[in-house]
Amino acid sequence: FMTKIYYDSDANIDILKEKVIAIIGYGNQGRAQALNMRDSGVEKIIVGSIKDNSSHIAHEDGFEVRSIGEACKKANIIFMLIPDEVAPKVYEQEIAPNLKAGDAVNFASGYNITYQNIKPSKDLDIIMCAPRMIGQGVRELYEKGDGAPVFIAVEQDATGNAKEVALALAKAMGGTKKGAIEVTFKDE
């Protein structure tokens, strides 16, 4: 069994240029990942949030802030960065009804997919790009020109481009500087 590790030369951020990314959960990881991607040239990032302190911080950071449902409706790539215990209900009520065929849902944890607490429709790309460090460290390393390693995985590839999207996200976050380690959702 050989682990595959991807680096900067293996990923192309350009495939994200016309994509709209919705960050659902602007906390520990969400803020770091959104800021890193924006600093990497990804321009179309919105934050889907309830009205709380994190939505205020996202607005102050210069991001468009919408309700979770509105953000998902506008986006092509949805980041699930909310706690695993609330994710199934939020997914069912606010995210799933606003997804379109070909959208990608990027999970930070394999838990809800592995244990089938979330059952996405078959016309979606289900991917994971999960930094292996707390958000503050992900941001600090990026700002120093370095990166935190990430796990990447593809659970479902409806478009045929799921892996390329996961790698592009990993590069935009700075993860391919240290290595994007290919795993499965169950491995994570």
C-alpha atoms as a PDB file:
ATOM      1  CA  PHE A   1       0.000   0.000   0.000  1.00  0.00           C
ATOM      2  CA  MET A   2       1.551   3.251  -1.171  1.00  0.00           C
ATOM      3  CA  THR A   3       0.379   6.624   0.103  1.00  0.00           C
ATOM      4  CA  LYS A   4       0.187   9.249  -2.618  1.00  0.00           C
ATOM      5  CA  ILE A   5       1.294  12.756  -1.654  1.00  0.00           C
ATOM      6  CA  TYR A   6       0.699  15.741  -3.934  1.00  0.00           C
ATOM      7  CA  TYR A   7       2.638  18.991  -4.068  1.00  0.00           C
ATOM      8  CA  ASP A   8       2.283  22.432  -5.699  1.00  0.00           C
ATOM      9  CA  SER A   9       3.182  21.177  -9.180  1.00  0.00           C
ATOM     10  CA  ASP A  10       0.352  18.595  -9.001  1.00  0.00           C
ATOM     11  CA  ALA A  11      -2.427  21.169  -8.525  1.00  0.00           C
ATOM     12  CA  ASN A  12      -3.919  23.972 -10.622  1.00  0.00           C
ATOM     13  CA  ILE A  13      -5.692  26.816  -8.823  1.00  0.00           C
ATOM     14  CA  ASP A  14      -6.954  28.175 -12.159  1.00  0.00           C
ATOM     15  CA  ILE A  15      -9.820  25.657 -12.149  1.00  0.00           C
ATOM     16  CA  LEU A  16     -11.274  27.628  -9.212  1.00  0.00           C
ATOM     17  CA  LYS A  17     -11.347  30.973 -11.067  1.00  0.00           C
ATOM     18  CA  GLU A  18     -14.977  30.753 -12.187  1.00  0.00           C
ATOM     19  CA  LYS A  19     -16.192  28.870  -9.117  1.00  0.00           C
ATOM     20  CA  VAL A  20     -18.048  30.419  -6.200  1.00  0.00           C
ATOM     21  CA  ILE A  21     -16.988  28.970  -2.867  1.00  0.00           C
ATOM     22  CA  ALA A  22     -19.274  29.061   0.167  1.00  0.00           C
ATOM     23  CA  ILE A  23     -17.622  28.707   3.557  1.00  0.00           C
ATOM     24  CA  ILE A  24     -20.172  27.228   5.966  1.00  0.00           C
ATOM     25  CA  GLY A  25     -18.629  27.733   9.391  1.00  0.00           C
ATOM     26  CA  TYR A  26     -16.325  30.748   9.735  1.00  0.00           C
ATOM     27  CA  GLY A  27     -14.595  29.515  12.867  1.00  0.00           C
ATOM     28  CA  ASN A  28     -11.311  27.799  13.649  1.00  0.00           C
ATOM     29  CA  GLN A  29     -10.736  26.407  10.132  1.00  0.00           C
ATOM     30  CA  GLY A  30     -13.172  28.466   8.070  1.00  0.00           C
ATOM     31  CA  ARG A  31     -11.507  31.804   8.620  1.00  0.00           C
ATOM     32  CA  ALA A  32      -7.979  30.494   7.968  1.00  0.00           C
ATOM     33  CA  GLN A  33      -8.987  28.585   4.845  1.00  0.00           C
ATOM     34  CA  ALA A  34     -11.007  31.488   3.398  1.00  0.00           C
ATOM     35  CA  LEU A  35      -8.233  34.033   3.992  1.00  0.00           C
ATOM     36  CA  ASN A  36      -5.566  31.708   2.551  1.00  0.00           C
ATOM     37  CA  MET A  37      -7.634  30.996  -0.561  1.00  0.00           C
ATOM     38  CA  ARG A  38      -8.346  34.692  -1.096  1.00  0.00           C
ATOM     39  CA  ASP A  39      -4.637  35.485  -0.695  1.00  0.00           C
ATOM     40  CA  SER A  40      -3.922  32.771  -3.303  1.00  0.00           C
ATOM     41  CA  GLY A  41      -6.114  34.616  -5.823  1.00  0.00           C
ATOM     42  CA  VAL A  42      -9.455  32.839  -5.348  1.00  0.00           C
ATOM     43  CA  GLU A  43     -11.846  35.778  -5.595  1.00  0.00           C
ATOM     44  CA  LYS A  44     -15.363  34.385  -5.355  1.00  0.00           C
ATOM     45  CA  ILE A  45     -15.663  33.377  -1.704  1.00  0.00           C
ATOM     46  CA  ILE A  46     -18.798  33.960   0.347  1.00  0.00           C
ATOM     47  CA  VAL A  47     -19.573  32.999   3.914  1.00  0.00           C
ATOM     48  CA  GLY A  48     -22.788  31.236   4.866  1.00  0.00           C
ATOM     49  CA  SER A  49     -23.563  31.799   8.501  1.00  0.00           C
ATOM     50  CA  ILE A  50     -26.139  32.381  11.155  1.00  0.00           C
ATOM     51  CA  LYS A  51     -26.037  35.892  12.639  1.00  0.00           C
ATOM     52  CA  ASP A  52     -23.351  35.527  15.303  1.00  0.00           C
ATOM     53  CA  ASN A  53     -19.860  36.750  16.130  1.00  0.00           C
ATOM     54  CA  SER A  54     -18.298  34.699  13.314  1.00  0.00           C
ATOM     55  CA  SER A  55     -20.527  36.372  10.705  1.00  0.00           C
ATOM     56  CA  HIS A  56     -19.441  39.756  12.054  1.00  0.00           C
ATOM     57  CA  ILE A  57     -15.762  38.730  11.783  1.00  0.00           C
ATOM     58  CA  ALA A  58     -16.305  37.438   8.221  1.00  0.00           C
ATOM     59  CA  HIS A  59     -17.886  40.759   7.257  1.00  0.00           C
ATOM     60  CA  GLU A  60     -14.993  42.684   8.853  1.00  0.00           C
ATOM     61  CA  ASP A  61     -12.561  40.465   6.911  1.00  0.00           C
ATOM     62  CA  GLY A  62     -14.230  41.701   3.724  1.00  0.00           C
ATOM     63  CA  PHE A  63     -16.290  38.649   2.787  1.00  0.00           C
ATOM     64  CA  GLU A  64     -19.868  38.718   1.564  1.00  0.00           C
ATOM     65  CA  VAL A  65     -21.970  37.110   4.292  1.00  0.00           C
ATOM     66  CA  ARG A  66     -25.271  35.392   3.495  1.00  0.00           C
ATOM     67  CA  SER A  67     -27.580  32.926   5.149  1.00  0.00           C
ATOM     68  CA  ILE A  68     -26.386  29.333   4.805  1.00  0.00           C
ATOM     69  CA  GLY A  69     -29.091  28.550   2.249  1.00  0.00           C
ATOM     70  CA  GLU A  70     -28.404  31.661   0.134  1.00  0.00           C
ATOM     71  CA  ALA A  71     -24.658  31.019   0.158  1.00  0.00           C
ATOM     72  CA  CYS A  72     -25.165  27.420  -0.982  1.00  0.00           C
ATOM     73  CA  LYS A  73     -27.538  28.504  -3.742  1.00  0.00           C
ATOM     74  CA  LYS A  74     -24.883  30.877  -5.158  1.00  0.00           C
ATOM     75  CA  ALA A  75     -21.932  28.514  -4.750  1.00  0.00           C
ATOM     76  CA  ASN A  76     -20.396  25.699  -6.800  1.00  0.00           C
ATOM     77  CA  ILE A  77     -18.180  24.468  -3.955  1.00  0.00           C
ATOM     78  CA  ILE A  78     -19.516  24.268  -0.403  1.00  0.00           C
ATOM     79  CA  PHE A  79     -17.166  23.919   2.566  1.00  0.00           C
ATOM     80  CA  MET A  80     -18.695  22.007   5.491  1.00  0.00           C
ATOM     81  CA  LEU A  81     -16.751  23.514   8.388  1.00  0.00           C
ATOM     82  CA  ILE A  82     -19.375  23.297  11.105  1.00  0.00           C
ATOM     83  CA  PRO A  83     -19.220  20.802  13.997  1.00  0.00           C
ATOM     84  CA  ASP A  84     -19.961  17.176  13.041  1.00  0.00           C
ATOM     85  CA  GLU A  85     -22.795  16.950  15.567  1.00  0.00           C
ATOM     86  CA  VAL A  86     -24.855  19.772  13.961  1.00  0.00           C
ATOM     87  CA  ALA A  87     -23.823  19.162  10.344  1.00  0.00           C
ATOM     88  CA  PRO A  88     -26.476  16.530   9.423  1.00  0.00           C
ATOM     89  CA  LYS A  89     -29.405  18.755  10.418  1.00  0.00           C
ATOM     90  CA  VAL A  90     -27.923  21.865   8.776  1.00  0.00           C
ATOM     91  CA  TYR A  91     -27.107  19.865   5.639  1.00  0.00           C
ATOM     92  CA  GLU A  92     -30.615  18.431   5.367  1.00  0.00           C
ATOM     93  CA  GLN A  93     -32.481  21.655   6.101  1.00  0.00           C
ATOM     94  CA  GLU A  94     -30.359  24.422   4.596  1.00  0.00           C
ATOM     95  CA  ILE A  95     -27.670  23.018   2.316  1.00  0.00           C
ATOM     96  CA  ALA A  96     -29.099  20.073   0.343  1.00  0.00           C
ATOM     97  CA  PRO A  97     -32.199  21.977  -0.908  1.00  0.00           C
ATOM     98  CA  ASN A  98     -29.894  24.622  -2.427  1.00  0.00           C
ATOM     99  CA  LEU A  99     -27.391  22.371  -4.218  1.00  0.00           C
ATOM    100  CA  LYS A 100     -27.243  21.886  -7.990  1.00  0.00           C
ATOM    101  CA  ALA A 101     -26.029  18.880  -9.969  1.00  0.00           C
ATOM    102  CA  GLY A 102     -22.260  19.129 -10.335  1.00  0.00           C
ATOM    103  CA  ASP A 103     -21.684  21.108  -7.139  1.00  0.00           C
ATOM    104  CA  ALA A 104     -18.876  19.952  -4.865  1.00  0.00           C
ATOM    105  CA  VAL A 105     -19.269  19.564  -1.123  1.00  0.00           C
ATOM    106  CA  ASN A 106     -15.940  19.711   0.685  1.00  0.00           C
ATOM    107  CA  PHE A 107     -15.883  18.122   4.131  1.00  0.00           C
ATOM    108  CA  ALA A 108     -13.263  18.767   6.813  1.00  0.00           C
ATOM    109  CA  SER A 109     -14.008  15.444   8.473  1.00  0.00           C
ATOM    110  CA  GLY A 110     -14.897  11.998   7.185  1.00  0.00           C
ATOM    111  CA  TYR A 111     -17.263  11.255  10.064  1.00  0.00           C
ATOM    112  CA  ASN A 112     -20.721  12.137   8.712  1.00  0.00           C
ATOM    113  CA  ILE A 113     -20.131  10.564   5.304  1.00  0.00           C
ATOM    114  CA  THR A 114     -18.477   7.410   6.689  1.00  0.00           C
ATOM    115  CA  TYR A 115     -21.311   6.802   9.161  1.00  0.00           C
ATOM    116  CA  GLN A 116     -23.986   7.902   6.663  1.00  0.00           C
ATOM    117  CA  ASN A 117     -25.344  10.681   8.862  1.00  0.00           C
ATOM    118  CA  ILE A 118     -25.249  12.761   5.670  1.00  0.00           C
ATOM    119  CA  LYS A 119     -26.333  11.051   2.454  1.00  0.00           C
ATOM    120  CA  PRO A 120     -25.599  13.373  -0.462  1.00  0.00           C
ATOM    121  CA  SER A 121     -27.309  12.958  -3.795  1.00  0.00           C
ATOM    122  CA  LYS A 122     -25.364  11.072  -6.473  1.00  0.00           C
ATOM    123  CA  ASP A 123     -25.021  14.112  -8.773  1.00  0.00           C
ATOM    124  CA  LEU A 124     -22.574  15.892  -6.423  1.00  0.00           C
ATOM    125  CA  ASP A 125     -18.816  15.694  -5.980  1.00  0.00           C
ATOM    126  CA  ILE A 126     -18.072  14.757  -2.369  1.00  0.00           C
ATOM    127  CA  ILE A 127     -14.514  15.649  -1.454  1.00  0.00           C
ATOM    128  CA  MET A 128     -12.339  16.355   1.535  1.00  0.00           C
ATOM    129  CA  CYS A 129      -9.542  18.853   1.887  1.00  0.00           C
ATOM    130  CA  ALA A 130      -8.691  18.839   5.576  1.00  0.00           C
ATOM    131  CA  PRO A 131      -5.652  20.625   7.024  1.00  0.00           C
ATOM    132  CA  ARG A 132      -3.926  18.612   9.732  1.00  0.00           C
ATOM    133  CA  MET A 133      -3.475  21.581  12.039  1.00  0.00           C
ATOM    134  CA  ILE A 134      -5.622  24.094  13.912  1.00  0.00           C
ATOM    135  CA  GLY A 135      -6.819  27.050  11.849  1.00  0.00           C
ATOM    136  CA  GLN A 136      -4.488  29.581  13.467  1.00  0.00           C
ATOM    137  CA  GLY A 137      -1.504  27.413  12.507  1.00  0.00           C
ATOM    138  CA  VAL A 138      -2.824  26.969   8.955  1.00  0.00           C
ATOM    139  CA  ARG A 139      -2.993  30.754   8.605  1.00  0.00           C
ATOM    140  CA  GLU A 140       0.332  31.527  10.287  1.00  0.00           C
ATOM    141  CA  LEU A 141       2.256  29.019   8.162  1.00  0.00           C
ATOM    142  CA  TYR A 142       0.643  30.376   4.987  1.00  0.00           C
ATOM    143  CA  GLU A 143       1.560  33.954   5.927  1.00  0.00           C
ATOM    144  CA  LYS A 144       5.195  32.827   6.350  1.00  0.00           C
ATOM    145  CA  GLY A 145       5.170  31.345   2.827  1.00  0.00           C
ATOM    146  CA  ASP A 146       4.836  27.803   4.109  1.00  0.00           C
ATOM    147  CA  GLY A 147       1.839  25.507   4.534  1.00  0.00           C
ATOM    148  CA  ALA A 148       0.208  22.894   6.707  1.00  0.00           C
ATOM    149  CA  PRO A 149      -0.171  19.366   5.324  1.00  0.00           C
ATOM    150  CA  VAL A 150      -3.702  18.359   4.332  1.00  0.00           C
ATOM    151  CA  PHE A 151      -5.654  15.169   3.803  1.00  0.00           C
ATOM    152  CA  ILE A 152      -7.496  14.999   0.488  1.00  0.00           C
ATOM    153  CA  ALA A 153     -10.107  12.444  -0.453  1.00  0.00           C
ATOM    154  CA  VAL A 154     -12.774  11.852  -3.068  1.00  0.00           C
ATOM    155  CA  GLU A 155     -15.825   9.938  -1.881  1.00  0.00           C
ATOM    156  CA  GLN A 156     -17.994  10.648  -4.914  1.00  0.00           C
ATOM    157  CA  ASP A 157     -16.904  11.951  -8.339  1.00  0.00           C
ATOM    158  CA  ALA A 158     -20.014  12.987 -10.255  1.00  0.00           C
ATOM    159  CA  THR A 159     -18.245  15.456 -12.549  1.00  0.00           C
ATOM    160  CA  GLY A 160     -15.034  13.581 -13.272  1.00  0.00           C
ATOM    161  CA  ASN A 161     -13.085  16.559 -11.831  1.00  0.00           C
ATOM    162  CA  ALA A 162     -13.480  15.983  -8.101  1.00  0.00           C
ATOM    163  CA  LYS A 163      -9.823  15.168  -7.420  1.00  0.00           C
ATOM    164  CA  GLU A 164      -8.610  18.158  -9.419  1.00  0.00           C
ATOM    165  CA  VAL A 165     -10.920  20.424  -7.406  1.00  0.00           C
ATOM    166  CA  ALA A 166      -9.700  18.940  -4.098  1.00  0.00           C
ATOM    167  CA  LEU A 167      -6.077  19.461  -5.156  1.00  0.00           C
ATOM    168  CA  ALA A 168      -6.765  23.039  -6.271  1.00  0.00           C
ATOM    169  CA  LEU A 169      -8.374  23.796  -2.907  1.00  0.00           C
ATOM    170  CA  ALA A 170      -5.404  22.220  -1.114  1.00  0.00           C
ATOM    171  CA  LYS A 171      -3.003  24.407  -3.095  1.00  0.00           C
ATOM    172  CA  ALA A 172      -5.068  27.552  -2.508  1.00  0.00           C
ATOM    173  CA  MET A 173      -4.933  26.868   1.250  1.00  0.00           C
ATOM    174  CA  GLY A 174      -1.154  26.332   1.142  1.00  0.00           C
ATOM    175  CA  GLY A 175      -1.404  22.601   1.807  1.00  0.00           C
ATOM    176  CA  THR A 176       0.486  21.395  -1.248  1.00  0.00           C
ATOM    177  CA  LYS A 177       3.615  23.201  -0.049  1.00  0.00           C
ATOM    178  CA  LYS A 178       3.951  20.544   2.677  1.00  0.00           C
ATOM    179  CA  GLY A 179       1.920  17.817   0.999  1.00  0.00           C
ATOM    180  CA  ALA A 180      -1.647  16.818   0.229  1.00  0.00           C
ATOM    181  CA  ILE A 181      -1.916  13.260   1.477  1.00  0.00           C
ATOM    182  CA  GLU A 182      -4.478  11.123  -0.334  1.00  0.00           C
ATOM    183  CA  VAL A 183      -6.706   9.185   2.076  1.00  0.00           C
ATOM    184  CA  THR A 184     -10.301   7.956   2.188  1.00  0.00           C
ATOM    185  CA  PHE A 185     -13.094   9.466   4.242  1.00  0.00           C
ATOM    186  CA  LYS A 186     -12.965   6.375   6.429  1.00  0.00           C
ATOM    187  CA  ASP A 187      -9.186   6.740   6.921  1.00  0.00           C
ATOM    188  CA  GLU A 188      -9.604  10.300   8.158  1.00  0.00           C
END
